[in-house]
């Protein structure tokens, strides 16, 4: 979690640069052509995942996605596109079953 100044939420689910570098090195060390299949778990979903959202909760709130307010927000979907061994990215964080 990274704390910030925002009108609807003071935090975002944030992965720092050291963790991003570790993740990329780990994925690259387990290539698809060697038969690796990778499942990734994160609290918040990644930008570009095409999950539907509640506009008045997740967009106005501004903490809906992993690294939502960071320059690194697209690194996760870009890593998936380059690495076919990533077969599944599982995340939670969204509360679509609740009536806000």
PDB file of N, CA and C in Angstrom:
ATOM      1  N   UNK A   1       0.851  -1.171   0.000  1.00  0.00           N
ATOM      2  CA  UNK A   1       0.000   0.000   0.000  1.00  0.00           C
ATOM      3  C   UNK A   1       0.896   1.233   0.000  1.00  0.00           C
ATOM      4  N   UNK A   2       0.543   2.172  -0.855  1.00  0.00           N
ATOM      5  CA  UNK A   2       1.234   3.460  -0.898  1.00  0.00           C
ATOM      6  C   UNK A   2       0.200   4.529  -0.585  1.00  0.00           C
ATOM      7  N   UNK A   3       0.528   5.418   0.324  1.00  0.00           N
ATOM      8  CA  UNK A   3      -0.390   6.484   0.693  1.00  0.00           C
ATOM      9  C   UNK A   3      -0.122   7.711  -0.161  1.00  0.00           C
ATOM     10  N   UNK A   4      -1.189   8.404  -0.528  1.00  0.00           N
ATOM     11  CA  UNK A   4      -1.095   9.559  -1.416  1.00  0.00           C
ATOM     12  C   UNK A   4      -2.237  10.510  -1.107  1.00  0.00           C
ATOM     13  N   UNK A   5      -2.233  11.632  -1.750  1.00  0.00           N
ATOM     14  CA  UNK A   5      -3.307  12.600  -1.591  1.00  0.00           C
ATOM     15  C   UNK A   5      -4.280  12.434  -2.751  1.00  0.00           C
ATOM     16  N   UNK A   6      -5.531  12.124  -2.442  1.00  0.00           N
ATOM     17  CA  UNK A   6      -6.549  11.943  -3.473  1.00  0.00           C
ATOM     18  C   UNK A   6      -7.906  12.276  -2.863  1.00  0.00           C
ATOM     19  N   UNK A   7      -8.841  12.750  -3.663  1.00  0.00           N
ATOM     20  CA  UNK A   7     -10.130  13.169  -3.099  1.00  0.00           C
ATOM     21  C   UNK A   7     -10.981  12.037  -2.520  1.00  0.00           C
ATOM     22  N   UNK A   8     -10.864  10.818  -3.037  1.00  0.00           N
ATOM     23  CA  UNK A   8     -11.737   9.735  -2.594  1.00  0.00           C
ATOM     24  C   UNK A   8     -11.012   8.629  -1.837  1.00  0.00           C
ATOM     25  N   UNK A   9      -9.696   8.566  -1.937  1.00  0.00           N
ATOM     26  CA  UNK A   9      -8.942   7.503  -1.278  1.00  0.00           C
ATOM     27  C   UNK A   9      -7.507   7.956  -1.072  1.00  0.00           C
ATOM     28  N   UNK A  10      -6.951   7.630   0.078  1.00  0.00           N
ATOM     29  CA  UNK A  10      -5.586   8.061   0.376  1.00  0.00           C
ATOM     30  C   UNK A  10      -4.557   6.969   0.139  1.00  0.00           C
ATOM     31  N   UNK A  11      -4.959   5.870  -0.450  1.00  0.00           N
ATOM     32  CA  UNK A  11      -4.008   4.777  -0.664  1.00  0.00           C
ATOM     33  C   UNK A  11      -4.253   4.109  -2.019  1.00  0.00           C
ATOM     34  N   UNK A  12      -3.257   3.368  -2.471  1.00  0.00           N
ATOM     35  CA  UNK A  12      -3.422   2.519  -3.649  1.00  0.00           C
ATOM     36  C   UNK A  12      -2.608   1.257  -3.425  1.00  0.00           C
ATOM     37  N   UNK A  13      -3.016   0.179  -4.050  1.00  0.00           N
ATOM     38  CA  UNK A  13      -2.244  -1.050  -3.995  1.00  0.00           C
ATOM     39  C   UNK A  13      -1.057  -0.839  -4.926  1.00  0.00           C
ATOM     40  N   UNK A  14       0.151  -0.846  -4.352  1.00  0.00           N
ATOM     41  CA  UNK A  14       1.329  -0.434  -5.106  1.00  0.00           C
ATOM     42  C   UNK A  14       2.441  -1.465  -5.013  1.00  0.00           C
ATOM     43  N   UNK A  15       3.023  -1.792  -6.143  1.00  0.00           N
ATOM     44  CA  UNK A  15       4.195  -2.655  -6.210  1.00  0.00           C
ATOM     45  C   UNK A  15       5.379  -1.748  -6.532  1.00  0.00           C
ATOM     46  N   UNK A  16       6.405  -1.770  -5.684  1.00  0.00           N
ATOM     47  CA  UNK A  16       7.538  -0.871  -5.909  1.00  0.00           C
ATOM     48  C   UNK A  16       8.479  -1.422  -6.978  1.00  0.00           C
ATOM     49  N   UNK A  17       9.450  -0.607  -7.373  1.00  0.00           N
ATOM     50  CA  UNK A  17      10.347  -0.956  -8.482  1.00  0.00           C
ATOM     51  C   UNK A  17      11.143  -2.238  -8.214  1.00  0.00           C
ATOM     52  N   UNK A  18      11.588  -2.420  -6.985  1.00  0.00           N
ATOM     53  CA  UNK A  18      12.346  -3.641  -6.652  1.00  0.00           C
ATOM     54  C   UNK A  18      11.487  -4.892  -6.846  1.00  0.00           C
ATOM     55  N   UNK A  19      10.221  -4.823  -6.448  1.00  0.00           N
ATOM     56  CA  UNK A  19       9.319  -5.962  -6.626  1.00  0.00           C
ATOM     57  C   UNK A  19       9.008  -6.192  -8.104  1.00  0.00           C
ATOM     58  N   UNK A  20       8.844  -5.114  -8.866  1.00  0.00           N
ATOM     59  CA  UNK A  20       8.600  -5.243 -10.306  1.00  0.00           C
ATOM     60  C   UNK A  20       9.774  -5.929 -10.977  1.00  0.00           C
ATOM     61  N   UNK A  21      10.985  -5.507 -10.643  1.00  0.00           N
ATOM     62  CA  UNK A  21      12.185  -6.130 -11.230  1.00  0.00           C
ATOM     63  C   UNK A  21      12.280  -7.601 -10.849  1.00  0.00           C
ATOM     64  N   UNK A  22      11.980  -7.937  -9.587  1.00  0.00           N
ATOM     65  CA  UNK A  22      11.985  -9.338  -9.159  1.00  0.00           C
ATOM     66  C   UNK A  22      10.962 -10.133  -9.971  1.00  0.00           C
ATOM     67  N   UNK A  23       9.755  -9.602 -10.125  1.00  0.00           N
ATOM     68  CA  UNK A  23       8.699 -10.282 -10.867  1.00  0.00           C
ATOM     69  C   UNK A  23       9.133 -10.547 -12.315  1.00  0.00           C
ATOM     70  N   UNK A  24       9.664  -9.532 -12.980  1.00  0.00           N
ATOM     71  CA  UNK A  24      10.080  -9.693 -14.375  1.00  0.00           C
ATOM     72  C   UNK A  24      11.208 -10.718 -14.504  1.00  0.00           C
ATOM     73  N   UNK A  25      12.181 -10.682 -13.617  1.00  0.00           N
ATOM     74  CA  UNK A  25      13.285 -11.656 -13.662  1.00  0.00           C
ATOM     75  C   UNK A  25      12.780 -13.066 -13.408  1.00  0.00           C
ATOM     76  N   UNK A  26      11.843 -13.206 -12.488  1.00  0.00           N
ATOM     77  CA  UNK A  26      11.288 -14.526 -12.187  1.00  0.00           C
ATOM     78  C   UNK A  26      10.525 -15.083 -13.381  1.00  0.00           C
ATOM     79  N   UNK A  27       9.715 -14.254 -14.026  1.00  0.00           N
ATOM     80  CA  UNK A  27       8.974 -14.685 -15.217  1.00  0.00           C
ATOM     81  C   UNK A  27       9.944 -15.068 -16.335  1.00  0.00           C
ATOM     82  N   UNK A  28      10.932 -14.225 -16.593  1.00  0.00           N
ATOM     83  CA  UNK A  28      11.886 -14.493 -17.672  1.00  0.00           C
ATOM     84  C   UNK A  28      12.726 -15.735 -17.408  1.00  0.00           C
ATOM     85  N   UNK A  29      12.944 -16.089 -16.140  1.00  0.00           N
ATOM     86  CA  UNK A  29      13.724 -17.277 -15.794  1.00  0.00           C
ATOM     87  C   UNK A  29      12.927 -18.572 -15.964  1.00  0.00           C
ATOM     88  N   UNK A  30      11.652 -18.451 -16.278  1.00  0.00           N
ATOM     89  CA  UNK A  30      10.778 -19.617 -16.443  1.00  0.00           C
ATOM     90  C   UNK A  30      10.040 -19.515 -17.783  1.00  0.00           C
ATOM     91  N   UNK A  31      10.760 -19.697 -18.891  1.00  0.00           N
ATOM     92  CA  UNK A  31      10.180 -19.469 -20.227  1.00  0.00           C
ATOM     93  C   UNK A  31       9.178 -20.544 -20.661  1.00  0.00           C
ATOM     94  N   UNK A  32       8.271 -20.103 -21.516  1.00  0.00           N
ATOM     95  CA  UNK A  32       7.240 -21.000 -22.046  1.00  0.00           C
ATOM     96  C   UNK A  32       7.844 -22.147 -22.836  1.00  0.00           C
ATOM     97  N   UNK A  33       8.927 -21.873 -23.563  1.00  0.00           N
ATOM     98  CA  UNK A  33       9.505 -22.940 -24.399  1.00  0.00           C
ATOM     99  C   UNK A  33      10.167 -24.048 -23.576  1.00  0.00           C
ATOM    100  N   UNK A  34      10.281 -23.851 -22.271  1.00  0.00           N
ATOM    101  CA  UNK A  34      10.753 -24.913 -21.386  1.00  0.00           C
ATOM    102  C   UNK A  34       9.587 -25.586 -20.657  1.00  0.00           C
ATOM    103  N   UNK A  35       8.375 -25.199 -21.042  1.00  0.00           N
ATOM    104  CA  UNK A  35       7.188 -25.833 -20.479  1.00  0.00           C
ATOM    105  C   UNK A  35       6.615 -25.184 -19.232  1.00  0.00           C
ATOM    106  N   UNK A  36       7.151 -24.056 -18.839  1.00  0.00           N
ATOM    107  CA  UNK A  36       6.649 -23.389 -17.640  1.00  0.00           C
ATOM    108  C   UNK A  36       5.265 -22.798 -17.879  1.00  0.00           C
ATOM    109  N   UNK A  37       4.432 -22.885 -16.856  1.00  0.00           N
ATOM    110  CA  UNK A  37       3.113 -22.253 -16.835  1.00  0.00           C
ATOM    111  C   UNK A  37       3.029 -21.472 -15.530  1.00  0.00           C
ATOM    112  N   UNK A  38       2.794 -20.179 -15.630  1.00  0.00           N
ATOM    113  CA  UNK A  38       2.828 -19.305 -14.464  1.00  0.00           C
ATOM    114  C   UNK A  38       1.428 -18.792 -14.135  1.00  0.00           C
ATOM    115  N   UNK A  39       1.078 -18.874 -12.861  1.00  0.00           N
ATOM    116  CA  UNK A  39      -0.140 -18.282 -12.318  1.00  0.00           C
ATOM    117  C   UNK A  39       0.301 -17.155 -11.393  1.00  0.00           C
ATOM    118  N   UNK A  40      -0.300 -15.984 -11.532  1.00  0.00           N
ATOM    119  CA  UNK A  40       0.067 -14.828 -10.724  1.00  0.00           C
ATOM    120  C   UNK A  40      -1.126 -14.445  -9.857  1.00  0.00           C
ATOM    121  N   UNK A  41      -0.846 -14.120  -8.611  1.00  0.00           N
ATOM    122  CA  UNK A  41      -1.870 -13.671  -7.682  1.00  0.00           C
ATOM    123  C   UNK A  41      -1.505 -12.280  -7.181  1.00  0.00           C
ATOM    124  N   UNK A  42      -2.456 -11.364  -7.234  1.00  0.00           N
ATOM    125  CA  UNK A  42      -2.239 -10.022  -6.682  1.00  0.00           C
ATOM    126  C   UNK A  42      -3.539  -9.554  -6.044  1.00  0.00           C
ATOM    127  N   UNK A  43      -3.412  -8.649  -5.114  1.00  0.00           N
ATOM    128  CA  UNK A  43      -4.613  -8.148  -4.442  1.00  0.00           C
ATOM    129  C   UNK A  43      -5.507  -7.383  -5.413  1.00  0.00           C
ATOM    130  N   UNK A  44      -4.936  -6.408  -6.091  1.00  0.00           N
ATOM    131  CA  UNK A  44      -5.705  -5.601  -7.042  1.00  0.00           C
ATOM    132  C   UNK A  44      -5.447  -6.095  -8.464  1.00  0.00           C
ATOM    133  N   UNK A  45      -6.411  -5.930  -9.360  1.00  0.00           N
ATOM    134  CA  UNK A  45      -6.210  -6.329 -10.753  1.00  0.00           C
ATOM    135  C   UNK A  45      -5.279  -5.348 -11.469  1.00  0.00           C
ATOM    136  N   UNK A  46      -4.811  -5.767 -12.617  1.00  0.00           N
ATOM    137  CA  UNK A  46      -3.879  -4.941 -13.384  1.00  0.00           C
ATOM    138  C   UNK A  46      -4.613  -4.085 -14.411  1.00  0.00           C
ATOM    139  N   UNK A  47      -4.030  -2.946 -14.715  1.00  0.00           N
ATOM    140  CA  UNK A  47      -4.554  -2.086 -15.784  1.00  0.00           C
ATOM    141  C   UNK A  47      -4.480  -2.866 -17.092  1.00  0.00           C
ATOM    142  N   UNK A  48      -5.520  -2.799 -17.889  1.00  0.00           N
ATOM    143  CA  UNK A  48      -5.542  -3.510 -19.160  1.00  0.00           C
ATOM    144  C   UNK A  48      -6.177  -4.879 -19.080  1.00  0.00           C
ATOM    145  N   UNK A  49      -6.661  -5.267 -17.908  1.00  0.00           N
ATOM    146  CA  UNK A  49      -7.246  -6.605 -17.755  1.00  0.00           C
ATOM    147  C   UNK A  49      -8.666  -6.692 -18.295  1.00  0.00           C
ATOM    148  N   UNK A  50      -9.263  -5.560 -18.603  1.00  0.00           N
ATOM    149  CA  UNK A  50     -10.612  -5.461 -19.171  1.00  0.00           C
ATOM    150  C   UNK A  50     -11.695  -5.926 -18.200  1.00  0.00           C
ATOM    151  N   UNK A  51     -11.400  -5.876 -16.904  1.00  0.00           N
ATOM    152  CA  UNK A  51     -12.445  -6.163 -15.925  1.00  0.00           C
ATOM    153  C   UNK A  51     -13.436  -5.017 -15.910  1.00  0.00           C
ATOM    154  N   UNK A  52     -14.705  -5.341 -15.729  1.00  0.00           N
ATOM    155  CA  UNK A  52     -15.697  -4.276 -15.627  1.00  0.00           C
ATOM    156  C   UNK A  52     -15.599  -3.654 -14.238  1.00  0.00           C
ATOM    157  N   UNK A  53     -15.978  -2.411 -14.131  1.00  0.00           N
ATOM    158  CA  UNK A  53     -15.874  -1.708 -12.862  1.00  0.00           C
ATOM    159  C   UNK A  53     -17.151  -0.929 -12.580  1.00  0.00           C
ATOM    160  N   UNK A  54     -17.317  -0.584 -11.341  1.00  0.00           N
ATOM    161  CA  UNK A  54     -18.382   0.323 -10.943  1.00  0.00           C
ATOM    162  C   UNK A  54     -17.811   1.729 -11.034  1.00  0.00           C
ATOM    163  N   UNK A  55     -18.293   2.510 -11.963  1.00  0.00           N
ATOM    164  CA  UNK A  55     -17.725   3.831 -12.213  1.00  0.00           C
ATOM    165  C   UNK A  55     -17.676   4.699 -10.959  1.00  0.00           C
ATOM    166  N   UNK A  56     -18.746   4.687 -10.184  1.00  0.00           N
ATOM    167  CA  UNK A  56     -18.796   5.584  -9.034  1.00  0.00           C
ATOM    168  C   UNK A  56     -17.997   5.074  -7.837  1.00  0.00           C
ATOM    169  N   UNK A  57     -17.503   3.864  -7.895  1.00  0.00           N
ATOM    170  CA  UNK A  57     -16.690   3.328  -6.801  1.00  0.00           C
ATOM    171  C   UNK A  57     -15.230   3.214  -7.218  1.00  0.00           C
ATOM    172  N   UNK A  58     -14.968   2.507  -8.295  1.00  0.00           N
ATOM    173  CA  UNK A  58     -13.593   2.185  -8.654  1.00  0.00           C
ATOM    174  C   UNK A  58     -12.880   3.262  -9.466  1.00  0.00           C
ATOM    175  N   UNK A  59     -13.590   4.023 -10.242  1.00  0.00           N
ATOM    176  CA  UNK A  59     -12.934   5.064 -11.024  1.00  0.00           C
ATOM    177  C   UNK A  59     -12.787   6.343 -10.196  1.00  0.00           C
ATOM    178  N   UNK A  60     -13.868   6.775  -9.561  1.00  0.00           N
ATOM    179  CA  UNK A  60     -13.780   7.973  -8.718  1.00  0.00           C
ATOM    180  C   UNK A  60     -12.835   7.751  -7.547  1.00  0.00           C
ATOM    181  N   UNK A  61     -12.839   6.567  -6.999  1.00  0.00           N
ATOM    182  CA  UNK A  61     -11.986   6.252  -5.862  1.00  0.00           C
ATOM    183  C   UNK A  61     -10.511   6.328  -6.253  1.00  0.00           C
ATOM    184  N   UNK A  62     -10.167   5.863  -7.430  1.00  0.00           N
ATOM    185  CA  UNK A  62      -8.800   5.966  -7.925  1.00  0.00           C
ATOM    186  C   UNK A  62      -7.819   4.964  -7.364  1.00  0.00           C
ATOM    187  N   UNK A  63      -8.294   3.937  -6.684  1.00  0.00           N
ATOM    188  CA  UNK A  63      -7.365   2.923  -6.167  1.00  0.00           C
ATOM    189  C   UNK A  63      -7.765   1.538  -6.662  1.00  0.00           C
ATOM    190  N   UNK A  64      -8.429   1.479  -7.789  1.00  0.00           N
ATOM    191  CA  UNK A  64      -8.993   0.230  -8.262  1.00  0.00           C
ATOM    192  C   UNK A  64      -7.956  -0.758  -8.787  1.00  0.00           C
ATOM    193  N   UNK A  65      -6.905  -0.275  -9.384  1.00  0.00           N
ATOM    194  CA  UNK A  65      -5.962  -1.127 -10.104  1.00  0.00           C
ATOM    195  C   UNK A  65      -4.592  -1.138  -9.418  1.00  0.00           C
ATOM    196  N   UNK A  66      -3.806  -2.165  -9.718  1.00  0.00           N
ATOM    197  CA  UNK A  66      -2.436  -2.256  -9.231  1.00  0.00           C
ATOM    198  C   UNK A  66      -1.618  -1.106  -9.818  1.00  0.00           C
ATOM    199  N   UNK A  67      -0.963  -0.327  -8.972  1.00  0.00           N
ATOM    200  CA  UNK A  67      -0.162   0.834  -9.387  1.00  0.00           C
ATOM    201  C   UNK A  67      -0.972   1.828 -10.214  1.00  0.00           C
ATOM    202  N   UNK A  68      -2.215   1.995  -9.851  1.00  0.00           N
ATOM    203  CA  UNK A  68      -3.175   2.827 -10.576  1.00  0.00           C
ATOM    204  C   UNK A  68      -2.653   4.228 -10.895  1.00  0.00           C
ATOM    205  N   UNK A  69      -1.989   4.850  -9.943  1.00  0.00           N
ATOM    206  CA  UNK A  69      -1.546   6.239 -10.117  1.00  0.00           C
ATOM    207  C   UNK A  69      -0.054   6.352 -10.385  1.00  0.00           C
ATOM    208  N   UNK A  70       0.563   5.293 -10.864  1.00  0.00           N
ATOM    209  CA  UNK A  70       2.008   5.276 -11.073  1.00  0.00           C
ATOM    210  C   UNK A  70       2.347   5.196 -12.553  1.00  0.00           C
ATOM    211  N   UNK A  71       3.525   5.648 -12.905  1.00  0.00           N
ATOM    212  CA  UNK A  71       3.996   5.511 -14.281  1.00  0.00           C
ATOM    213  C   UNK A  71       4.163   4.044 -14.668  1.00  0.00           C
ATOM    214  N   UNK A  72       4.314   3.169 -13.681  1.00  0.00           N
ATOM    215  CA  UNK A  72       4.527   1.738 -13.943  1.00  0.00           C
ATOM    216  C   UNK A  72       3.232   0.957 -14.082  1.00  0.00           C
ATOM    217  N   UNK A  73       2.088   1.627 -14.184  1.00  0.00           N
ATOM    218  CA  UNK A  73       0.807   0.918 -14.174  1.00  0.00           C
ATOM    219  C   UNK A  73       0.627  -0.048 -15.340  1.00  0.00           C
ATOM    220  N   UNK A  74       1.273   0.157 -16.472  1.00  0.00           N
ATOM    221  CA  UNK A  74       1.108  -0.749 -17.617  1.00  0.00           C
ATOM    222  C   UNK A  74       2.169  -1.848 -17.677  1.00  0.00           C
ATOM    223  N   UNK A  75       3.109  -1.853 -16.767  1.00  0.00           N
ATOM    224  CA  UNK A  75       4.190  -2.847 -16.819  1.00  0.00           C
ATOM    225  C   UNK A  75       3.659  -4.270 -16.682  1.00  0.00           C
ATOM    226  N   UNK A  76       2.575  -4.450 -15.939  1.00  0.00           N
ATOM    227  CA  UNK A  76       2.067  -5.800 -15.705  1.00  0.00           C
ATOM    228  C   UNK A  76       1.407  -6.378 -16.954  1.00  0.00           C
ATOM    229  N   UNK A  77       0.552  -5.624 -17.614  1.00  0.00           N
ATOM    230  CA  UNK A  77      -0.083  -6.127 -18.837  1.00  0.00           C
ATOM    231  C   UNK A  77       0.955  -6.278 -19.947  1.00  0.00           C
ATOM    232  N   UNK A  78       1.946  -5.389 -19.993  1.00  0.00           N
ATOM    233  CA  UNK A  78       3.022  -5.513 -20.984  1.00  0.00           C
ATOM    234  C   UNK A  78       3.831  -6.789 -20.752  1.00  0.00           C
ATOM    235  N   UNK A  79       4.073  -7.127 -19.496  1.00  0.00           N
ATOM    236  CA  UNK A  79       4.810  -8.355 -19.172  1.00  0.00           C
ATOM    237  C   UNK A  79       4.021  -9.585 -19.616  1.00  0.00           C
ATOM    238  N   UNK A  80       2.717  -9.563 -19.415  1.00  0.00           N
ATOM    239  CA  UNK A  80       1.877 -10.686 -19.863  1.00  0.00           C
ATOM    240  C   UNK A  80       1.941 -10.837 -21.376  1.00  0.00           C
ATOM    241  N   UNK A  81       1.852  -9.740 -22.089  1.00  0.00           N
ATOM    242  CA  UNK A  81       1.865  -9.792 -23.556  1.00  0.00           C
ATOM    243  C   UNK A  81       3.167 -10.365 -24.097  1.00  0.00           C
ATOM    244  N   UNK A  82       4.267 -10.154 -23.392  1.00  0.00           N
ATOM    245  CA  UNK A  82       5.575 -10.649 -23.838  1.00  0.00           C
ATOM    246  C   UNK A  82       5.879 -12.068 -23.365  1.00  0.00           C
ATOM    247  N   UNK A  83       5.062 -12.604 -22.473  1.00  0.00           N
ATOM    248  CA  UNK A  83       5.400 -13.879 -21.832  1.00  0.00           C
ATOM    249  C   UNK A  83       4.213 -14.834 -21.845  1.00  0.00           C
ATOM    250  N   UNK A  84       4.129 -15.694 -22.859  1.00  0.00           N
ATOM    251  CA  UNK A  84       2.983 -16.609 -22.975  1.00  0.00           C
ATOM    252  C   UNK A  84       2.926 -17.666 -21.874  1.00  0.00           C
ATOM    253  N   UNK A  85       3.978 -17.786 -21.082  1.00  0.00           N
ATOM    254  CA  UNK A  85       3.952 -18.739 -19.969  1.00  0.00           C
ATOM    255  C   UNK A  85       3.056 -18.268 -18.828  1.00  0.00           C
ATOM    256  N   UNK A  86       2.677 -16.978 -18.817  1.00  0.00           N
ATOM    257  CA  UNK A  86       1.721 -16.499 -17.826  1.00  0.00           C
ATOM    258  C   UNK A  86       0.334 -16.890 -18.326  1.00  0.00           C
ATOM    259  N   UNK A  87      -0.241 -17.861 -17.666  1.00  0.00           N
ATOM    260  CA  UNK A  87      -1.522 -18.427 -18.105  1.00  0.00           C
ATOM    261  C   UNK A  87      -2.723 -17.825 -17.382  1.00  0.00           C
ATOM    262  N   UNK A  88      -2.508 -17.293 -16.169  1.00  0.00           N
ATOM    263  CA  UNK A  88      -3.616 -16.778 -15.381  1.00  0.00           C
ATOM    264  C   UNK A  88      -3.098 -15.694 -14.441  1.00  0.00           C
ATOM    265  N   UNK A  89      -3.851 -14.615 -14.344  1.00  0.00           N
ATOM    266  CA  UNK A  89      -3.580 -13.584 -13.336  1.00  0.00           C
ATOM    267  C   UNK A  89      -4.833 -13.488 -12.493  1.00  0.00           C
ATOM    268  N   UNK A  90      -4.725 -13.891 -11.239  1.00  0.00           N
ATOM    269  CA  UNK A  90      -5.860 -13.906 -10.329  1.00  0.00           C
ATOM    270  C   UNK A  90      -5.757 -12.710  -9.391  1.00  0.00           C
ATOM    271  N   UNK A  91      -6.855 -11.983  -9.244  1.00  0.00           N
ATOM    272  CA  UNK A  91      -6.857 -10.848  -8.319  1.00  0.00           C
ATOM    273  C   UNK A  91      -8.234 -10.711  -7.689  1.00  0.00           C
ATOM    274  N   UNK A  92      -8.269  -9.947  -6.634  1.00  0.00           N
ATOM    275  CA  UNK A  92      -9.522  -9.642  -5.953  1.00  0.00           C
ATOM    276  C   UNK A  92      -9.732  -8.143  -5.999  1.00  0.00           C
ATOM    277  N   UNK A  93      -9.980  -7.555  -4.860  1.00  0.00           N
ATOM    278  CA  UNK A  93     -10.057  -6.117  -4.649  1.00  0.00           C
ATOM    279  C   UNK A  93     -11.384  -5.498  -5.063  1.00  0.00           C
ATOM    280  N   UNK A  94     -11.963  -5.904  -6.157  1.00  0.00           N
ATOM    281  CA  UNK A  94     -13.226  -5.316  -6.588  1.00  0.00           C
ATOM    282  C   UNK A  94     -14.371  -5.919  -5.778  1.00  0.00           C
ATOM    283  N   UNK A  95     -15.389  -5.124  -5.511  1.00  0.00           N
ATOM    284  CA  UNK A  95     -16.519  -5.555  -4.707  1.00  0.00           C
ATOM    285  C   UNK A  95     -17.799  -5.391  -5.525  1.00  0.00           C
ATOM    286  N   UNK A  96     -17.881  -6.111  -6.624  1.00  0.00           N
ATOM    287  CA  UNK A  96     -18.983  -5.920  -7.569  1.00  0.00           C
ATOM    288  C   UNK A  96     -20.299  -6.514  -7.091  1.00  0.00           C
ATOM    289  N   UNK A  97     -20.270  -7.359  -6.088  1.00  0.00           N
ATOM    290  CA  UNK A  97     -21.510  -7.969  -5.629  1.00  0.00           C
ATOM    291  C   UNK A  97     -22.228  -7.103  -4.592  1.00  0.00           C
ATOM    292  N   UNK A  98     -21.591  -6.044  -4.138  1.00  0.00           N
ATOM    293  CA  UNK A  98     -22.181  -5.201  -3.110  1.00  0.00           C
ATOM    294  C   UNK A  98     -23.007  -4.080  -3.733  1.00  0.00           C
ATOM    295  N   UNK A  99     -24.010  -3.675  -3.022  1.00  0.00           N
ATOM    296  CA  UNK A  99     -24.844  -2.554  -3.468  1.00  0.00           C
ATOM    297  C   UNK A  99     -24.371  -1.307  -2.736  1.00  0.00           C
ATOM    298  N   UNK A 100     -23.553  -0.516  -3.406  1.00  0.00           N
ATOM    299  CA  UNK A 100     -23.033   0.702  -2.794  1.00  0.00           C
ATOM    300  C   UNK A 100     -24.069   1.765  -2.894  1.00  0.00           C
TER     301      UNK A 100
END
